[in-house]
PDB file of N, CA and C in Angstrom:
ATOM      1  N   MET A   1       0.803  -1.217   0.084  1.00  0.00           N
ATOM      2  CA  MET A   1       0.025  -0.393  -0.021  1.00  0.00           C
ATOM      3  C   MET A   1       1.075   1.459   0.127  1.00  0.00           C
ATOM      4  N   ASP A   2       0.698   2.011  -0.668  1.00  0.00           N
ATOM      5  CA  ASP A   2       1.537   3.348  -1.337  1.00  0.00           C
ATOM      6  C   ASP A   2       0.423   4.440  -0.482  1.00  0.00           C
ATOM      7  N   ILE A   3       0.295   4.524   1.036  1.00  0.00           N
ATOM      8  CA  ILE A   3      -0.678   5.838   1.937  1.00  0.00           C
ATOM      9  C   ILE A   3      -0.597   7.006   1.021  1.00  0.00           C
ATOM     10  N   ILE A   4       0.692   7.515   0.465  1.00  0.00           N
ATOM     11  CA  ILE A   4       0.083   8.899  -0.158  1.00  0.00           C
ATOM     12  C   ILE A   4      -0.315   8.594  -1.341  1.00  0.00           C
ATOM     13  N   LYS A   5      -0.655   7.993  -2.140  1.00  0.00           N
ATOM     14  CA  LYS A   5      -1.542   7.650  -3.314  1.00  0.00           C
ATOM     15  C   LYS A   5      -2.749   7.070  -2.734  1.00  0.00           C
ATOM     16  N   VAL A   6      -2.977   6.083  -2.039  1.00  0.00           N
ATOM     17  CA  VAL A   6      -4.529   6.003  -0.977  1.00  0.00           C
ATOM     18  C   VAL A   6      -5.222   7.393  -0.791  1.00  0.00           C
ATOM     19  N   PHE A   7      -4.340   8.547  -0.312  1.00  0.00           N
ATOM     20  CA  PHE A   7      -4.712   9.221   0.665  1.00  0.00           C
ATOM     21  C   PHE A   7      -4.673  10.186  -0.270  1.00  0.00           C
ATOM     22  N   GLY A   8      -4.143  10.799  -1.588  1.00  0.00           N
ATOM     23  CA  GLY A   8      -4.549  11.401  -2.592  1.00  0.00           C
ATOM     24  C   GLY A   8      -5.696  11.349  -3.229  1.00  0.00           C
ATOM     25  N   SER A   9      -6.071   9.900  -3.572  1.00  0.00           N
ATOM     26  CA  SER A   9      -6.938   9.145  -4.644  1.00  0.00           C
ATOM     27  C   SER A   9      -7.923   9.575  -3.262  1.00  0.00           C
ATOM     28  N   ASN A  10      -7.983   9.342  -2.216  1.00  0.00           N
ATOM     29  CA  ASN A  10      -9.347   9.502  -1.503  1.00  0.00           C
ATOM     30  C   ASN A  10      -9.570  10.541  -1.147  1.00  0.00           C
ATOM     31  N   VAL A  11      -8.809  12.066  -1.051  1.00  0.00           N
ATOM     32  CA  VAL A  11      -9.026  13.260  -1.599  1.00  0.00           C
ATOM     33  C   VAL A  11     -10.381  13.509  -2.659  1.00  0.00           C
ATOM     34  N   ARG A  12      -9.398  13.291  -3.684  1.00  0.00           N
ATOM     35  CA  ARG A  12      -9.890  13.505  -4.710  1.00  0.00           C
ATOM     36  C   ARG A  12     -11.048  13.254  -4.865  1.00  0.00           C
ATOM     37  N   GLN A  13     -11.437  11.738  -4.870  1.00  0.00           N
ATOM     38  CA  GLN A  13     -12.673  10.897  -4.962  1.00  0.00           C
ATOM     39  C   GLN A  13     -13.810  11.354  -4.134  1.00  0.00           C
ATOM     40  N   TYR A  14     -13.585  12.395  -3.008  1.00  0.00           N
ATOM     41  CA  TYR A  14     -14.418  12.593  -1.837  1.00  0.00           C
ATOM     42  C   TYR A  14     -14.642  14.096  -2.330  1.00  0.00           C
ATOM     43  N   ARG A  15     -13.974  14.685  -2.561  1.00  0.00           N
ATOM     44  CA  ARG A  15     -13.917  16.219  -2.987  1.00  0.00           C
ATOM     45  C   ARG A  15     -15.186  16.056  -4.698  1.00  0.00           C
ATOM     46  N   MET A  16     -14.509  15.375  -5.528  1.00  0.00           N
ATOM     47  CA  MET A  16     -15.743  15.336  -6.607  1.00  0.00           C
ATOM     48  C   MET A  16     -16.871  14.915  -5.775  1.00  0.00           C
ATOM     49  N   GLN A  17     -17.379  13.755  -5.443  1.00  0.00           N
ATOM     50  CA  GLN A  17     -18.503  13.275  -5.017  1.00  0.00           C
ATOM     51  C   GLN A  17     -19.271  14.567  -4.546  1.00  0.00           C
ATOM     52  N   ARG A  18     -18.332  15.454  -3.701  1.00  0.00           N
ATOM     53  CA  ARG A  18     -19.270  16.895  -3.522  1.00  0.00           C
ATOM     54  C   ARG A  18     -18.958  18.009  -4.370  1.00  0.00           C
ATOM     55  N   ASN A  19     -18.958  17.466  -5.707  1.00  0.00           N
ATOM     56  CA  ASN A  19     -18.653  18.368  -6.788  1.00  0.00           C
ATOM     57  C   ASN A  19     -17.927  19.807  -6.464  1.00  0.00           C
ATOM     58  N   LEU A  20     -16.969  20.128  -6.004  1.00  0.00           N
ATOM     59  CA  LEU A  20     -16.189  20.863  -5.652  1.00  0.00           C
ATOM     60  C   LEU A  20     -15.126  20.994  -6.323  1.00  0.00           C
ATOM     61  N   SER A  21     -14.669  22.418  -7.111  1.00  0.00           N
ATOM     62  CA  SER A  21     -13.692  22.626  -7.724  1.00  0.00           C
ATOM     63  C   SER A  21     -11.923  22.495  -6.627  1.00  0.00           C
ATOM     64  N   GLN A  22     -10.643  22.475  -7.127  1.00  0.00           N
ATOM     65  CA  GLN A  22      -9.815  22.234  -6.208  1.00  0.00           C
ATOM     66  C   GLN A  22      -9.762  23.474  -5.696  1.00  0.00           C
ATOM     67  N   GLU A  23      -9.989  24.749  -6.447  1.00  0.00           N
ATOM     68  CA  GLU A  23     -10.092  26.019  -5.914  1.00  0.00           C
ATOM     69  C   GLU A  23     -11.204  26.151  -4.786  1.00  0.00           C
ATOM     70  N   LYS A  24     -12.390  25.408  -5.014  1.00  0.00           N
ATOM     71  CA  LYS A  24     -13.662  25.950  -3.579  1.00  0.00           C
ATOM     72  C   LYS A  24     -13.067  25.085  -2.714  1.00  0.00           C
ATOM     73  N   PHE A  25     -12.594  23.872  -2.642  1.00  0.00           N
ATOM     74  CA  PHE A  25     -12.246  23.100  -1.728  1.00  0.00           C
ATOM     75  C   PHE A  25     -11.001  23.388  -0.838  1.00  0.00           C
ATOM     76  N   ALA A  26     -10.010  23.929  -2.090  1.00  0.00           N
ATOM     77  CA  ALA A  26      -8.839  24.878  -0.923  1.00  0.00           C
ATOM     78  C   ALA A  26      -9.456  26.104  -0.102  1.00  0.00           C
ATOM     79  N   GLU A  27     -10.576  26.676  -0.422  1.00  0.00           N
ATOM     80  CA  GLU A  27     -10.941  27.690   0.338  1.00  0.00           C
ATOM     81  C   GLU A  27     -11.750  27.102   1.563  1.00  0.00           C
ATOM     82  N   LEU A  28     -12.027  25.993   1.236  1.00  0.00           N
ATOM     83  CA  LEU A  28     -13.122  25.740   2.653  1.00  0.00           C
ATOM     84  C   LEU A  28     -11.968  24.801   3.769  1.00  0.00           C
ATOM     85  N   CYS A  29     -10.771  24.249   3.182  1.00  0.00           N
ATOM     86  CA  CYS A  29      -9.833  23.731   4.513  1.00  0.00           C
ATOM     87  C   CYS A  29      -8.921  24.725   4.427  1.00  0.00           C
ATOM     88  N   GLY A  30      -8.926  26.141   3.796  1.00  0.00           N
ATOM     89  CA  GLY A  30      -7.613  27.403   4.391  1.00  0.00           C
ATOM     90  C   GLY A  30      -6.660  26.683   3.719  1.00  0.00           C
ATOM     91  N   LEU A  31      -6.604  26.359   2.861  1.00  0.00           N
ATOM     92  CA  LEU A  31      -5.684  25.627   2.096  1.00  0.00           C
ATOM     93  C   LEU A  31      -5.344  26.251   0.874  1.00  0.00           C
ATOM     94  N   HIS A  32      -4.102  26.484   0.191  1.00  0.00           N
ATOM     95  CA  HIS A  32      -4.023  26.884  -1.202  1.00  0.00           C
ATOM     96  C   HIS A  32      -3.910  25.837  -2.477  1.00  0.00           C
ATOM     97  N   ARG A  33      -4.881  26.405  -3.406  1.00  0.00           N
ATOM     98  CA  ARG A  33      -5.142  25.359  -4.882  1.00  0.00           C
ATOM     99  C   ARG A  33      -4.097  24.107  -4.994  1.00  0.00           C
ATOM    100  N   THR A  34      -2.891  25.092  -5.258  1.00  0.00           N
ATOM    101  CA  THR A  34      -2.142  23.763  -5.654  1.00  0.00           C
ATOM    102  C   THR A  34      -1.233  23.087  -4.561  1.00  0.00           C
ATOM    103  N   TYR A  35      -1.779  23.146  -3.226  1.00  0.00           N
ATOM    104  CA  TYR A  35      -1.527  22.507  -2.254  1.00  0.00           C
ATOM    105  C   TYR A  35      -2.299  20.897  -2.439  1.00  0.00           C
ATOM    106  N   ILE A  36      -3.650  21.488  -2.755  1.00  0.00           N
ATOM    107  CA  ILE A  36      -4.611  20.075  -2.856  1.00  0.00           C
ATOM    108  C   ILE A  36      -4.293  19.857  -4.075  1.00  0.00           C
ATOM    109  N   SER A  37      -3.787  20.508  -4.863  1.00  0.00           N
ATOM    110  CA  SER A  37      -3.177  19.612  -6.357  1.00  0.00           C
ATOM    111  C   SER A  37      -2.541  18.645  -6.356  1.00  0.00           C
ATOM    112  N   ASP A  38      -1.249  19.224  -5.527  1.00  0.00           N
ATOM    113  CA  ASP A  38       0.306  18.375  -5.187  1.00  0.00           C
ATOM    114  C   ASP A  38      -0.611  16.628  -4.167  1.00  0.00           C
ATOM    115  N   ILE A  39      -1.494  17.112  -3.467  1.00  0.00           N
ATOM    116  CA  ILE A  39      -2.122  16.060  -2.784  1.00  0.00           C
ATOM    117  C   ILE A  39      -2.216  14.922  -3.707  1.00  0.00           C
ATOM    118  N   GLU A  40      -3.221  15.161  -4.362  1.00  0.00           N
ATOM    119  CA  GLU A  40      -3.972  14.558  -5.388  1.00  0.00           C
ATOM    120  C   GLU A  40      -3.197  14.076  -6.289  1.00  0.00           C
ATOM    121  N   CYS A  41      -2.367  14.643  -6.523  1.00  0.00           N
ATOM    122  CA  CYS A  41      -1.116  14.087  -7.896  1.00  0.00           C
ATOM    123  C   CYS A  41      -0.224  13.384  -7.096  1.00  0.00           C
ATOM    124  N   PHE A  42      -0.163  13.219  -6.077  1.00  0.00           N
ATOM    125  CA  PHE A  42       0.484  12.233  -4.856  1.00  0.00           C
ATOM    126  C   PHE A  42       1.988  12.863  -5.058  1.00  0.00           C
ATOM    127  N   ARG A  43       2.732  14.208  -5.120  1.00  0.00           N
ATOM    128  CA  ARG A  43       3.873  14.910  -4.995  1.00  0.00           C
ATOM    129  C   ARG A  43       3.900  15.307  -3.380  1.00  0.00           C
ATOM    130  N   ARG A  44       2.910  15.140  -2.480  1.00  0.00           N
ATOM    131  CA  ARG A  44       3.031  15.905  -1.251  1.00  0.00           C
ATOM    132  C   ARG A  44       2.712  14.645  -0.022  1.00  0.00           C
ATOM    133  N   SER A  45       3.360  14.870   1.164  1.00  0.00           N
ATOM    134  CA  SER A  45       3.096  14.520   2.552  1.00  0.00           C
ATOM    135  C   SER A  45       2.679  15.416   3.115  1.00  0.00           C
ATOM    136  N   ILE A  46       1.793  15.335   4.038  1.00  0.00           N
ATOM    137  CA  ILE A  46       1.108  16.471   4.542  1.00  0.00           C
ATOM    138  C   ILE A  46       1.189  16.530   6.076  1.00  0.00           C
ATOM    139  N   SER A  47       0.914  17.645   6.883  1.00  0.00           N
ATOM    140  CA  SER A  47       1.270  17.206   8.744  1.00  0.00           C
ATOM    141  C   SER A  47      -0.644  17.085   9.150  1.00  0.00           C
ATOM    142  N   LEU A  48      -0.634  16.460  10.215  1.00  0.00           N
ATOM    143  CA  LEU A  48      -1.579  16.079  10.372  1.00  0.00           C
ATOM    144  C   LEU A  48      -2.845  16.996  10.964  1.00  0.00           C
ATOM    145  N   ASP A  49      -2.443  18.383  10.766  1.00  0.00           N
ATOM    146  CA  ASP A  49      -3.213  19.117  10.908  1.00  0.00           C
ATOM    147  C   ASP A  49      -3.886  19.179   9.643  1.00  0.00           C
ATOM    148  N   ASN A  50      -3.476  19.577   8.713  1.00  0.00           N
ATOM    149  CA  ASN A  50      -3.667  19.574   7.647  1.00  0.00           C
ATOM    150  C   ASN A  50      -5.112  18.451   6.814  1.00  0.00           C
ATOM    151  N   ILE A  51      -4.286  16.925   7.402  1.00  0.00           N
ATOM    152  CA  ILE A  51      -5.184  16.051   7.053  1.00  0.00           C
ATOM    153  C   ILE A  51      -6.483  16.309   7.952  1.00  0.00           C
ATOM    154  N   GLN A  52      -6.603  16.571   9.010  1.00  0.00           N
ATOM    155  CA  GLN A  52      -7.736  16.975   9.784  1.00  0.00           C
ATOM    156  C   GLN A  52      -8.663  18.116   8.935  1.00  0.00           C
ATOM    157  N   LYS A  53      -8.160  19.398   8.547  1.00  0.00           N
ATOM    158  CA  LYS A  53      -8.500  20.458   7.519  1.00  0.00           C
ATOM    159  C   LYS A  53      -9.307  19.738   6.253  1.00  0.00           C
ATOM    160  N   ILE A  54      -8.682  19.099   5.464  1.00  0.00           N
ATOM    161  CA  ILE A  54      -9.186  18.616   4.673  1.00  0.00           C
ATOM    162  C   ILE A  54     -10.563  17.297   5.171  1.00  0.00           C
ATOM    163  N   ALA A  55     -10.250  16.418   6.093  1.00  0.00           N
ATOM    164  CA  ALA A  55     -11.857  15.656   6.312  1.00  0.00           C
ATOM    165  C   ALA A  55     -12.546  16.395   6.891  1.00  0.00           C
ATOM    166  N   ASP A  56     -12.469  17.947   7.715  1.00  0.00           N
ATOM    167  CA  ASP A  56     -13.703  18.568   8.125  1.00  0.00           C
ATOM    168  C   ASP A  56     -14.278  19.112   7.106  1.00  0.00           C
ATOM    169  N   ALA A  57     -13.302  19.633   6.164  1.00  0.00           N
ATOM    170  CA  ALA A  57     -14.090  20.486   4.533  1.00  0.00           C
ATOM    171  C   ALA A  57     -14.966  19.599   3.981  1.00  0.00           C
ATOM    172  N   LEU A  58     -14.446  17.717   3.917  1.00  0.00           N
ATOM    173  CA  LEU A  58     -15.308  17.085   3.327  1.00  0.00           C
ATOM    174  C   LEU A  58     -16.164  16.738   4.336  1.00  0.00           C
ATOM    175  N   GLU A  59     -16.312  16.880   5.099  1.00  0.00           N
ATOM    176  CA  GLU A  59     -17.430  16.615   6.238  1.00  0.00           C
ATOM    177  C   GLU A  59     -17.435  14.873   6.459  1.00  0.00           C
ATOM    178  N   ILE A  60     -16.226  14.140   6.605  1.00  0.00           N
ATOM    179  CA  ILE A  60     -15.897  12.582   6.998  1.00  0.00           C
ATOM    180  C   ILE A  60     -15.176  12.385   7.630  1.00  0.00           C
ATOM    181  N   ASP A  61     -14.862  11.107   8.550  1.00  0.00           N
ATOM    182  CA  ASP A  61     -14.092  10.950   9.406  1.00  0.00           C
ATOM    183  C   ASP A  61     -12.957  10.823   8.926  1.00  0.00           C
ATOM    184  N   THR A  62     -11.866  11.425   9.551  1.00  0.00           N
ATOM    185  CA  THR A  62     -10.203  11.371   9.010  1.00  0.00           C
ATOM    186  C   THR A  62     -10.355   9.956   8.586  1.00  0.00           C
ATOM    187  N   TYR A  63     -10.045   8.744   9.558  1.00  0.00           N
ATOM    188  CA  TYR A  63     -10.113   7.664   9.136  1.00  0.00           C
ATOM    189  C   TYR A  63      -9.881   7.019   7.693  1.00  0.00           C
ATOM    190  N   LYS A  64     -11.423   7.828   6.730  1.00  0.00           N
ATOM    191  CA  LYS A  64     -11.944   7.191   5.681  1.00  0.00           C
ATOM    192  C   LYS A  64     -10.533   7.639   4.349  1.00  0.00           C
ATOM    193  N   LEU A  65     -10.221   8.420   4.715  1.00  0.00           N
ATOM    194  CA  LEU A  65      -8.668   8.947   4.013  1.00  0.00           C
ATOM    195  C   LEU A  65      -8.124   7.987   3.645  1.00  0.00           C
ATOM    196  N   PHE A  66      -8.003   7.311   4.768  1.00  0.00           N
ATOM    197  CA  PHE A  66      -6.869   6.290   4.742  1.00  0.00           C
ATOM    198  C   PHE A  66      -7.095   4.865   3.869  1.00  0.00           C
ATOM    199  N   LEU A  67      -8.291   4.439   3.906  1.00  0.00           N
ATOM    200  CA  LEU A  67      -8.585   3.468   3.346  1.00  0.00           C
ATOM    201  C   LEU A  67      -8.617   3.017   2.034  1.00  0.00           C
ATOM    202  N   GLU A  68      -7.926   1.651   1.830  1.00  0.00           N
ATOM    203  CA  GLU A  68      -7.521   1.670   0.732  1.00  0.00           C
ATOM    204  C   GLU A  68      -8.602   0.351  -0.060  1.00  0.00           C
ATOM    205  N   ASP A  69      -9.173   1.406  -1.574  1.00  0.00           N
ATOM    206  CA  ASP A  69     -10.621   0.552  -2.058  1.00  0.00           C
ATOM    207  C   ASP A  69      -9.908   0.702  -3.217  1.00  0.00           C
ATOM    208  N   ASP A  70      -9.687  -0.367  -4.209  1.00  0.00           N
ATOM    209  CA  ASP A  70      -9.366  -0.437  -5.253  1.00  0.00           C
ATOM    210  C   ASP A  70     -10.178   0.426  -5.918  1.00  0.00           C
ATOM    211  N   SER A  71     -11.522   0.104  -5.860  1.00  0.00           N
ATOM    212  CA  SER A  71     -12.008   1.202  -6.946  1.00  0.00           C
ATOM    213  C   SER A  71     -12.356   2.540  -7.253  1.00  0.00           C
ATOM    214  N   CYS A  72     -11.526   3.312  -5.885  1.00  0.00           N
ATOM    215  CA  CYS A  72     -11.400   4.881  -6.349  1.00  0.00           C
ATOM    216  C   CYS A  72      -9.991   5.282  -6.421  1.00  0.00           C
ATOM    217  N   ILE A  73      -9.069   4.327  -6.726  1.00  0.00           N
ATOM    218  CA  ILE A  73      -7.948   4.491  -6.658  1.00  0.00           C
ATOM    219  C   ILE A  73      -7.682   5.029  -8.090  1.00  0.00           C
ATOM    220  N   ILE A  74      -6.913   6.343  -8.114  1.00  0.00           N
ATOM    221  CA  ILE A  74      -6.777   6.726  -9.640  1.00  0.00           C
ATOM    222  C   ILE A  74      -5.281   6.615  -9.551  1.00  0.00           C
ATOM    223  N   PRO A  75      -4.968   6.044 -11.085  1.00  0.00           N
ATOM    224  CA  PRO A  75      -3.497   5.762 -11.279  1.00  0.00           C
ATOM    225  C   PRO A  75      -3.341   7.129 -11.633  1.00  0.00           C
TER     226      PRO A  75
END
């Protein structure tokens, strides 16, 4: 399991399910749009504080961002 890919894929999947652009989602998180893009493209590791901000903005439990589900992994 590549945790960065699992996390980034899950962030993207949940964001898209809520019909949020990266820009709007970044605003909800209090983060920059390029930071969100880097996460979704597997180019960034992030702090626990930012993981919580992302989960809060998505209105999901934090642990769901770490669940590996082959059906939502984006290559």
